[in-house]
Protein backbone atom coordinates (compact mmCIF):
# COMPACT_ATOMS: atom_id res chain seq x y z
CA MET A 1 102.50 80.21 113.64
CA ASN A 2 99.69 82.41 115.40
CA ASP A 3 97.87 85.55 114.60
CA ALA A 4 100.84 88.06 115.30
CA PRO A 5 103.13 87.28 112.32
CA LEU A 6 100.45 88.78 109.92
CA PHE A 7 101.31 92.27 110.98
CA ASP A 8 104.88 91.43 111.24
CA TRP A 9 104.87 90.36 107.66
CA LEU A 10 102.99 93.55 106.63
CA GLU A 11 105.63 95.63 108.51
CA THR A 12 108.42 93.92 106.79
CA ALA A 13 106.91 94.03 103.22
CA ALA A 14 106.35 97.93 103.79
CA ARG A 15 110.16 98.20 103.88
CA PHE A 16 110.48 97.55 100.24
CA SER A 17 109.70 100.84 99.23
CA LEU A 18 111.30 104.18 97.74
CA PRO A 19 112.23 106.64 100.59
CA GLY A 20 109.27 108.88 101.92
CA PRO A 21 106.17 108.54 103.83
CA GLY A 22 104.22 105.38 103.29
CA VAL A 23 105.04 102.84 100.78
CA SER A 24 106.03 103.51 97.08
CA ARG A 25 106.68 100.30 95.33
CA PHE A 26 106.15 100.21 91.49
CA PHE A 27 106.07 97.46 88.93
CA LEU A 28 109.34 95.79 87.94
CA THR A 29 111.58 98.15 90.02
CA GLU A 30 114.34 97.14 92.61
CA GLU A 31 111.79 97.43 95.39
CA HIS A 32 109.42 94.92 93.53
CA ARG A 33 112.35 92.49 93.12
CA GLN A 34 113.27 92.71 96.60
CA LEU A 35 109.51 92.03 97.79
CA ILE A 36 109.28 89.02 95.56
CA VAL A 37 112.27 87.36 97.43
CA TYR A 38 110.62 88.08 100.79
CA LEU A 39 107.19 86.88 99.55
CA ARG A 40 108.58 83.65 98.05
CA SER A 41 110.26 82.92 101.54
CA LEU A 42 106.77 83.32 103.13
CA MET A 43 105.23 81.24 100.31
CA VAL A 44 107.70 78.41 101.04
CA GLU A 45 107.17 78.62 104.80
CA CYS A 46 103.51 78.15 104.16
CA GLY A 47 104.22 74.98 102.25
CA LEU A 48 103.66 76.31 98.70
CA ARG A 49 105.25 75.56 95.61
CA THR A 50 106.33 78.90 94.14
CA HIS A 51 107.24 80.37 90.65
CA LEU A 52 107.50 83.80 89.11
CA ASP A 53 105.70 84.20 85.81
CA ASP A 54 106.75 86.32 82.86
CA ALA A 55 104.09 88.98 83.75
CA GLY A 56 105.81 89.54 87.11
CA ASN A 57 103.21 87.78 89.22
CA LEU A 58 104.45 85.71 92.15
CA VAL A 59 102.42 82.36 92.54
CA GLY A 60 102.31 80.13 95.41
CA ARG A 61 100.52 76.67 94.95
CA LYS A 62 99.03 74.46 97.53
CA ILE A 63 98.93 71.03 95.83
CA SER A 64 95.93 68.67 96.15
CA ASN A 65 96.46 65.05 95.33
CA GLY A 66 94.13 63.84 92.35
CA SER A 67 92.66 67.05 91.21
CA ASP A 68 93.59 69.62 88.52
CA ASN A 69 91.06 72.21 89.73
CA VAL A 70 92.18 75.47 91.30
CA LEU A 71 90.71 78.16 93.57
CA TYR A 72 92.70 81.37 93.05
CA ILE A 73 93.29 83.84 95.92
CA GLY A 74 95.19 86.95 95.64
CA SER A 75 95.70 90.72 95.39
CA HIS A 76 98.59 92.99 94.24
CA GLN A 77 102.02 93.85 95.26
CA ASP A 78 102.41 97.40 93.74
CA THR A 79 101.23 100.75 95.31
CA VAL A 80 100.38 104.22 94.51
CA PRO A 81 103.15 106.87 95.44
CA ASN A 82 103.19 107.17 99.09
CA GLY A 83 100.48 104.69 99.56
CA GLY A 84 99.71 102.55 102.70
CA ARG A 85 100.98 99.25 103.71
CA PHE A 86 97.55 97.54 103.56
CA ASP A 87 96.33 98.15 99.97
CA GLY A 88 96.93 95.22 98.13
CA MET A 89 99.48 93.44 100.32
CA LEU A 90 96.86 92.60 103.15
CA GLY A 91 95.04 90.51 100.70
CA ILE A 92 98.16 88.59 99.69
CA LEU A 93 99.17 88.01 103.38
CA LEU A 94 95.73 87.03 104.66
CA ALA A 95 95.62 84.33 101.85
CA LEU A 96 98.96 83.00 102.96
CA SER A 97 98.02 83.14 106.50
CA ALA A 98 94.72 81.20 105.99
CA VAL A 99 96.58 78.60 103.71
CA TYR A 100 99.27 78.11 106.27
CA GLU A 101 96.68 77.19 108.80
CA LEU A 102 95.41 74.63 106.33
CA ARG A 103 98.74 73.12 105.55
CA ASP A 104 97.84 69.69 106.96
CA ILE A 105 94.49 69.47 105.29
CA ASN A 106 94.37 67.73 102.01
CA LEU A 107 91.86 69.79 100.07
CA PRO A 108 89.96 68.32 96.99
CA PHE A 109 91.35 71.05 94.85
CA ASN A 110 94.44 73.13 94.31
CA VAL A 111 94.87 76.60 95.81
CA GLU A 112 96.95 79.33 94.11
CA VAL A 113 97.97 82.32 96.00
CA VAL A 114 98.83 85.12 93.59
CA ALA A 115 100.62 88.31 94.22
CA PHE A 116 99.98 90.24 91.04
CA GLY A 117 102.69 92.37 89.75
CA ASP A 118 100.89 95.39 88.51
CA GLU A 119 97.35 96.56 89.51
CA GLU A 120 97.65 100.17 90.26
CA GLY A 121 99.41 100.95 86.83
CA THR A 122 101.54 103.90 88.56
CA ARG A 123 104.65 103.29 86.69
CA PHE A 124 103.38 102.48 83.09
CA ASN A 125 99.51 103.39 83.31
CA SER A 126 99.15 99.57 82.69
CA THR A 127 96.37 98.72 85.06
CA LEU A 128 95.75 94.97 85.68
CA LEU A 129 98.38 93.88 83.64
CA GLY A 130 99.28 90.77 85.77
CA SER A 131 95.68 89.57 86.22
CA LYS A 132 94.80 90.21 82.52
CA ALA A 133 97.81 87.87 81.81
CA LEU A 134 96.66 85.05 84.25
CA SER A 135 92.96 85.22 82.72
CA GLY A 136 94.05 85.17 79.15
CA ILE A 137 92.82 88.71 78.23
CA PHE A 138 96.36 90.32 78.09
CA ASP A 139 96.70 92.76 75.18
CA GLU A 140 100.23 92.55 73.85
CA SER A 141 100.11 96.20 72.70
CA ALA A 142 100.42 97.12 76.34
CA LEU A 143 104.09 95.89 76.21
CA SER A 144 104.91 99.33 74.25
CA ALA A 145 103.56 101.53 77.31
CA ARG A 146 106.57 103.46 78.57
CA ASP A 147 107.50 105.01 82.08
CA GLU A 148 108.50 108.65 82.60
CA GLN A 149 112.15 107.69 81.68
CA GLY A 150 111.01 106.28 78.34
CA MET A 151 111.35 102.48 79.20
CA SER A 152 108.65 100.26 77.72
CA ILE A 153 107.19 97.47 79.75
CA ALA A 154 108.76 94.91 77.47
CA GLU A 155 112.19 96.31 78.21
CA ALA A 156 111.55 96.45 81.83
CA LEU A 157 110.30 92.87 81.95
CA HIS A 158 113.58 91.73 80.10
CA ASP A 159 115.66 93.83 82.55
CA PHE A 160 113.92 92.02 85.54
CA GLY A 161 114.88 88.58 84.06
CA LEU A 162 111.45 87.82 82.56
CA ASN A 163 110.26 87.01 78.90
CA PRO A 164 107.39 89.06 77.73
CA GLU A 165 106.86 86.94 74.71
CA LYS A 166 105.93 84.10 76.95
CA ILE A 167 103.10 86.00 78.59
CA PRO A 168 100.36 84.46 76.58
CA SER A 169 101.33 81.01 77.99
CA ILE A 170 100.61 82.15 81.48
CA ALA A 171 96.80 82.14 80.57
CA ARG A 172 94.95 79.59 82.91
CA ASP A 173 92.54 76.77 81.65
CA GLN A 174 88.98 77.92 82.37
CA LYS A 175 87.77 74.37 82.72
CA ASN A 176 89.98 73.95 85.95
CA ALA A 177 89.31 77.34 87.36
CA LEU A 178 86.89 77.23 90.26
CA GLY A 179 86.95 80.75 91.20
CA TYR A 180 88.85 83.82 92.41
CA ILE A 181 88.55 85.38 95.93
CA GLU A 182 90.24 88.85 96.69
CA ALA A 183 90.53 90.23 100.16
CA HIS A 184 91.13 93.92 100.42
CA ILE A 185 90.95 96.85 102.66
CA GLU A 186 87.45 98.54 101.94
CA GLN A 187 89.01 101.99 100.79
CA GLY A 188 85.57 103.54 102.10
CA PRO A 189 83.56 104.12 105.31
CA VAL A 190 80.78 101.73 105.25
CA LEU A 191 82.08 99.05 107.52
CA GLU A 192 83.28 101.57 110.06
CA ASN A 193 79.84 103.24 110.02
CA GLN A 194 78.09 99.94 110.66
CA ASN A 195 80.94 98.77 113.08
CA LEU A 196 81.71 95.41 111.27
CA PRO A 197 85.23 94.11 110.66
CA VAL A 198 84.38 92.68 107.16
CA GLY A 199 81.95 92.65 104.39
CA VAL A 200 81.21 90.74 100.93
CA VAL A 201 81.37 92.83 97.69
CA SER A 202 78.49 92.72 95.58
CA SER A 203 79.76 94.50 92.60
CA ILE A 204 82.87 96.40 91.36
CA THR A 205 82.69 99.70 89.40
CA GLY A 206 83.35 100.14 85.94
CA ILE A 207 85.69 102.94 85.13
CA GLU A 208 86.35 105.20 82.05
CA ARG A 209 88.73 108.12 81.85
CA HIS A 210 88.66 111.06 79.41
CA ALA A 211 91.44 113.45 78.41
CA VAL A 212 90.23 116.94 77.50
CA SER A 213 92.23 119.59 75.97
CA ILE A 214 90.90 123.02 75.78
CA LYS A 215 92.38 125.74 73.55
CA GLY A 216 91.50 129.49 74.16
CA GLN A 217 93.26 132.74 73.58
CA ALA A 218 96.11 134.10 75.79
CA GLY A 219 96.32 137.76 76.63
CA HIS A 220 97.28 140.39 79.08
CA ALA A 221 95.22 139.78 82.26
CA GLY A 222 94.83 143.70 82.81
CA THR A 223 94.18 144.92 79.29
CA VAL A 224 91.79 142.41 77.84
CA PRO A 225 88.11 143.17 78.67
CA MET A 226 86.50 140.32 80.81
CA HIS A 227 83.68 139.85 78.07
CA LEU A 228 86.10 139.39 75.33
CA ARG A 229 88.22 136.58 76.75
CA LYS A 230 88.61 133.23 75.79
CA ASP A 231 89.97 131.87 79.33
CA ALA A 232 90.77 127.99 78.82
CA LEU A 233 90.82 127.63 82.62
CA VAL A 234 87.49 129.17 83.01
CA ALA A 235 86.24 126.63 80.37
CA ALA A 236 87.95 123.93 82.33
CA SER A 237 86.02 124.83 85.39
CA PHE A 238 82.76 124.16 83.65
CA TYR A 239 83.91 120.47 83.48
CA VAL A 240 85.01 120.45 87.19
CA GLN A 241 81.53 121.86 88.27
CA TRP A 242 79.79 119.47 85.83
CA VAL A 243 81.50 116.36 87.13
CA ASP A 244 81.04 117.37 90.91
CA THR A 245 77.29 118.23 90.26
CA TYR A 246 76.32 115.38 87.91
CA CYS A 247 77.73 112.70 90.03
CA LYS A 248 76.12 114.01 93.24
CA GLU A 249 72.89 113.91 91.53
CA THR A 250 73.24 110.50 89.69
CA GLU A 251 72.80 107.30 91.77
CA ASP A 252 75.71 104.77 91.73
CA MET A 253 78.03 107.51 90.12
CA THR A 254 81.18 108.90 91.22
CA GLY A 255 83.69 111.02 89.40
CA VAL A 256 86.46 113.38 89.46
CA VAL A 257 88.78 115.82 87.60
CA GLY A 258 91.95 114.50 88.90
CA LYS A 259 94.57 116.34 86.76
CA ILE A 260 94.61 120.04 85.33
CA GLU A 261 97.44 121.56 83.42
CA ILE A 262 97.28 125.23 82.08
CA ARG A 263 99.52 127.11 79.88
CA PRO A 264 101.40 129.63 80.06
CA ASN A 265 100.57 129.25 83.83
CA SER A 266 101.65 132.80 84.53
CA VAL A 267 100.36 135.22 87.20
CA ASN A 268 99.20 137.81 84.75
CA VAL A 269 98.40 136.08 81.64
CA ILE A 270 94.97 134.78 80.59
CA PRO A 271 95.35 130.73 80.25
CA GLU A 272 95.66 129.93 76.62
CA SER A 273 95.15 126.14 76.98
CA ALA A 274 94.20 123.62 79.62
CA ASN A 275 94.36 120.05 79.80
CA ILE A 276 92.30 117.93 82.15
CA THR A 277 91.48 114.47 83.00
CA ILE A 278 87.87 113.35 83.84
CA GLU A 279 87.23 109.95 85.43
CA LEU A 280 83.81 108.47 85.82
CA ARG A 281 82.83 105.40 87.77
CA SER A 282 79.86 103.16 88.14
CA PRO A 283 79.27 99.28 88.17
CA TYR A 284 76.43 100.00 85.51
CA LYS A 285 77.48 100.47 81.79
CA ASP A 286 74.12 102.37 81.09
CA VAL A 287 74.75 104.90 83.95
CA ARG A 288 78.17 105.56 82.45
CA LEU A 289 77.03 106.02 78.92
CA ARG A 290 74.35 108.35 79.89
CA ALA A 291 77.15 110.42 81.76
CA ARG A 292 79.46 110.32 78.72
CA LYS A 293 76.62 111.60 76.60
CA ALA A 294 76.05 114.46 79.04
CA LEU A 295 79.77 115.20 78.95
CA SER A 296 79.77 115.26 75.09
CA MET A 297 76.98 117.94 75.24
CA LEU A 298 78.97 120.17 77.64
CA THR A 299 81.88 119.88 75.15
CA SER A 300 79.72 120.92 72.42
CA ARG A 301 78.46 124.00 74.20
CA LEU A 302 82.11 125.10 74.97
CA VAL A 303 82.90 124.56 71.15
CA ASP A 304 79.90 127.00 70.46
CA ALA A 305 81.28 129.41 72.70
CA GLY A 306 84.44 129.68 70.62
CA PHE A 307 87.10 127.34 72.28
CA ALA A 308 88.82 124.50 70.53
CA VAL A 309 88.01 121.54 72.47
CA ASN A 310 89.17 117.88 71.99
CA SER A 311 87.78 115.05 74.30
CA GLU A 312 89.11 111.63 74.04
CA LEU A 313 88.14 108.46 75.82
CA ILE A 314 91.50 107.21 76.86
CA TYR A 315 90.72 104.19 79.21
CA GLY A 316 87.86 102.01 79.78
CA GLN A 317 87.09 99.09 82.06
CA GLU A 318 83.75 97.39 82.59
CA GLY A 319 82.13 96.92 85.95
CA LEU A 320 81.41 93.64 87.48
CA ILE A 321 78.52 92.02 89.24
CA CYS A 322 80.11 89.42 91.58
CA ASP A 323 79.39 85.60 91.53
CA ASP A 324 76.13 84.97 93.33
CA VAL A 325 77.40 81.41 94.58
CA LEU A 326 80.68 82.78 95.74
CA VAL A 327 78.97 85.58 97.49
CA GLN A 328 76.77 83.31 99.29
CA LYS A 329 79.61 81.24 100.33
CA LEU A 330 81.57 84.19 101.68
CA GLU A 331 78.47 85.21 103.60
CA ALA A 332 78.04 81.91 105.02
CA ALA A 333 81.73 81.94 106.09
CA ILE A 334 81.14 85.13 107.80
CA GLN A 335 78.11 84.21 109.46
CA LYS A 336 79.99 81.03 111.00
CA GLU A 337 82.34 83.69 112.46
CA ASN A 338 79.35 85.18 114.16
CA ILE A 339 79.64 88.34 112.14
CA PRO A 340 76.46 89.91 110.58
CA PRO A 341 77.05 89.70 106.81
CA VAL A 342 76.69 92.91 104.75
CA LYS A 343 77.07 93.66 101.06
CA ILE A 344 79.18 96.47 99.66
CA TYR A 345 79.71 97.96 96.29
CA SER A 346 83.16 98.55 95.46
CA GLY A 347 84.03 101.98 93.83
CA ALA A 348 87.48 100.96 93.13
CA GLY A 349 88.82 98.68 90.47
CA HIS A 350 90.48 95.43 91.52
CA ASP A 351 92.29 92.35 90.01
CA ALA A 352 88.93 90.60 90.20
CA LEU A 353 87.87 92.66 87.26
CA ALA A 354 90.33 91.02 85.08
CA MET A 355 89.95 87.55 86.56
CA ALA A 356 86.27 87.54 85.89
CA ALA A 357 87.29 86.43 82.22
CA LEU A 358 88.64 83.28 83.61
CA CYS A 359 86.31 82.25 86.30
CA PRO A 360 83.52 83.37 88.88
CA VAL A 361 84.90 86.10 91.21
CA ALA A 362 83.98 87.57 94.66
CA MET A 363 85.75 89.89 97.06
CA LEU A 364 86.03 90.24 100.91
CA PHE A 365 86.41 93.78 102.24
CA VAL A 366 88.22 94.43 105.47
CA ARG A 367 87.35 97.59 107.50
CA CYS A 368 89.92 100.40 107.42
CA LYS A 369 90.30 103.34 109.75
CA ASP A 370 88.22 106.61 108.47
CA GLY A 371 87.90 104.76 105.21
CA LEU A 372 91.36 105.96 104.20
CA SER A 373 93.33 104.38 101.37
CA HIS A 374 96.08 105.41 98.84
CA HIS A 375 97.47 107.37 101.82
CA HIS A 376 100.54 106.60 104.10
CA GLU A 377 98.32 106.93 107.06
CA GLU A 378 95.87 104.09 105.98
CA SER A 379 95.38 101.50 108.99
CA VAL A 380 93.76 98.39 109.68
CA ASP A 381 92.92 96.92 113.18
CA ILE A 382 94.76 93.66 114.01
CA ASN A 383 91.52 92.13 115.19
CA ASP A 384 89.74 92.89 112.03
CA ALA A 385 92.49 91.41 109.91
CA ILE A 386 92.32 88.31 112.07
CA ALA A 387 88.63 88.21 111.58
CA ALA A 388 89.24 88.21 107.78
CA LYS A 389 91.92 85.62 107.87
CA ARG A 390 89.47 83.37 109.78
CA VAL A 391 86.60 84.05 107.23
CA LEU A 392 88.90 83.34 104.31
CA LYS A 393 90.13 79.90 106.14
CA ARG A 394 86.60 78.73 106.65
CA PHE A 395 85.81 79.77 103.01
CA ILE A 396 88.64 77.56 101.64
CA ARG A 397 87.92 74.61 103.96
CA ASP A 398 84.24 74.64 103.09
CA PHE A 399 84.56 75.44 99.47
CA ILE A 400 83.51 72.02 98.16
C-alpha cells in the first residue's frame, strides 16, 4: 500500500450517501450501514480486529502482546446534510493508513481506531452519542430523542441490529486508556493563511444553544401605525444584531442566530411570533457565562417593551483545554517531519470533547481549502493528507 489509496478510500466512502450534492450520511440509516461494511473491510485489510458496538461505533483494534493499555484514535462517520467527504472521514482513514504502515511493528500498547457513529447529531440532535458511550458519560435519556419521522434513537438502534440496553457496557476502563488523538480538517483558514499542512489543537470550544420564542401582535401591515406595533420579527432582529456585535467585540467568542421562524409569515401581516436559535461558542466558561448574562438583559428589555419572550438553554457542552503532554508529542512529531508546529483553537466541537472524560486528548488539524467545511465543496490537498498521515504514524511509533 502506498499513499494513493487514502484518497481512493475517501472517494469510495463518499458514495455511501443520499442523492444530492456532497455527502449526506446520517446515523443509523442504510447509508451508515453500507459504510460500516466498507470500513470493516478496510480495517481487516489493515490487520485490525473489528467489532460494531451497541452505540453504532465501528472499532478496529491493533493487538499488542502483553499489554492492556490502549491508545485511541478516531473521528466520526456521520455528516451534515450535503456535507463534504473529508469532515470526520479523513480522520478515520488517516488513522487506518498510519496503522497499516505500522502493521509489522509490535507496539507496547494496543491501538483502537474508532469510527464514531454519531457526532454531528443531524438526525436526532444527539451530538457525540458514540464517543459519550465509549467514555462512560452516555445519558440514557438521549435514547428517547426522535427524528423527524418520530423514530427514537432506541428504536433505530434496534432496527440496526443493536441493543441500546447494552450501551453502558461499552465504556472503557480509564486506568488502561493512554490517550485519544483525533485528526480532522481544520474547518477554518488559519493553516492556509500560514501556508502549513497541519497544526496542533490547543483547545476546543464550549458550546451553548438557546431557543428564544417571541410573541408580539399580528395586524394589518397597512393600517396599524408603526409606533403602535409589536412586530415579533423586529424584536428578533435585536437578537441577531446583538449576537453579531457582541461576538465581534468579545475575544475568544463566536456566535450565530442559525434558525428563525415567523408566523403568520405573510407578505402583508405584521409578524405575531418569532422563534429563533442562538448559539454561543468559546473554550472558556467565564466568557460564555458573561455572554449568557448579557443575553438575559436583552430579553428583559424586550419584555419591558411589551413582548412575551421565553428564552431557554437547550444545549450545553463545556470547552476543553487539550492535554499538554499529548500536544507536545504531536508538536515533536510535526517537527520531525520538518514542519513548523503551530497551535490552533478549534471553534467547532469534536468527539474529543466527550473522550476527555476517559483519558487525555489532543487533536491534529489538516489544512482545508479556503477553510471551507460542512459544504459539498470542502477540499484537502493530497500532500497535506500525506503529511498528516506521516505525523500520526510517527506519533504512534514514538508514543512510549
